Amino acid sequence: MKYIVDLSDWQEDVPWESLVSNGFTGVIIKLGERDYLCSTLADKVAQASTHGLSVGFYYYSHALSEPEATHEAEWVAYEIQVNYGLEPELGIWFDYEDPSILDSGVDMTTICNTFVNRVHELGYSQVGIYSSYNWLTNYIRVSDLGNVPLWVAQYNSQDDFSLENPSANVHLWQFTDKFSEELPYDA
């Protein structure tokens, strides 16, 4: 089993040495949201590289229309190309779970597909959707995403989403939001 941690500006003092010594192989770093890069992004990418960790990026979306999702996809692809040049080894993830979206009436599946398809058109092959078990079960029509990779957040002792959706293309399961020196362990 491989362990990956996601990082954002909220994690200020990342225990890089401890991550490595506890078996973590990569990090997925928040690129930004709206049109703002995370302030600690460059440092986290440099530290991950220094410690031999694979890197991926996620983008926290607020898109309520296809044009907004297209704009976000273009911004993400541009920032990755300008700042990092290569396709990130752990992919690009569209984080779609902001509570303001719930009452918007937007077709969330269409927004997800718009982002993923546009990033693909811009030359990146590893693009997926990150969301919670609740959203992927109740709001996003996973069956209409095709073979898009999924990163499921469900803080539980097992990945219920994969068990309930065996044909879904689940690449990652986030089972906790806490780092512990006891990791890795069988969750």
Foldseek 3Di string as FASTA:
>chain_A
DEDEEEEAVVPPPDPLVLCVVQRHAAYEYEQEEDLDGGPCVVVVVVSCVVSNHFYHYEYEYPDQDLVRLLVVLVSVLVCCCVPPNDAGPQHYEYEYDPPVNPPSPGQVQSSQLSSQVNNVVVPHDQYAYEYEPCCCVPRHPQVVNPQGEYAYEDQDLDDVSCVVPVPHRYDHYHNDNDDDSPPPDRD
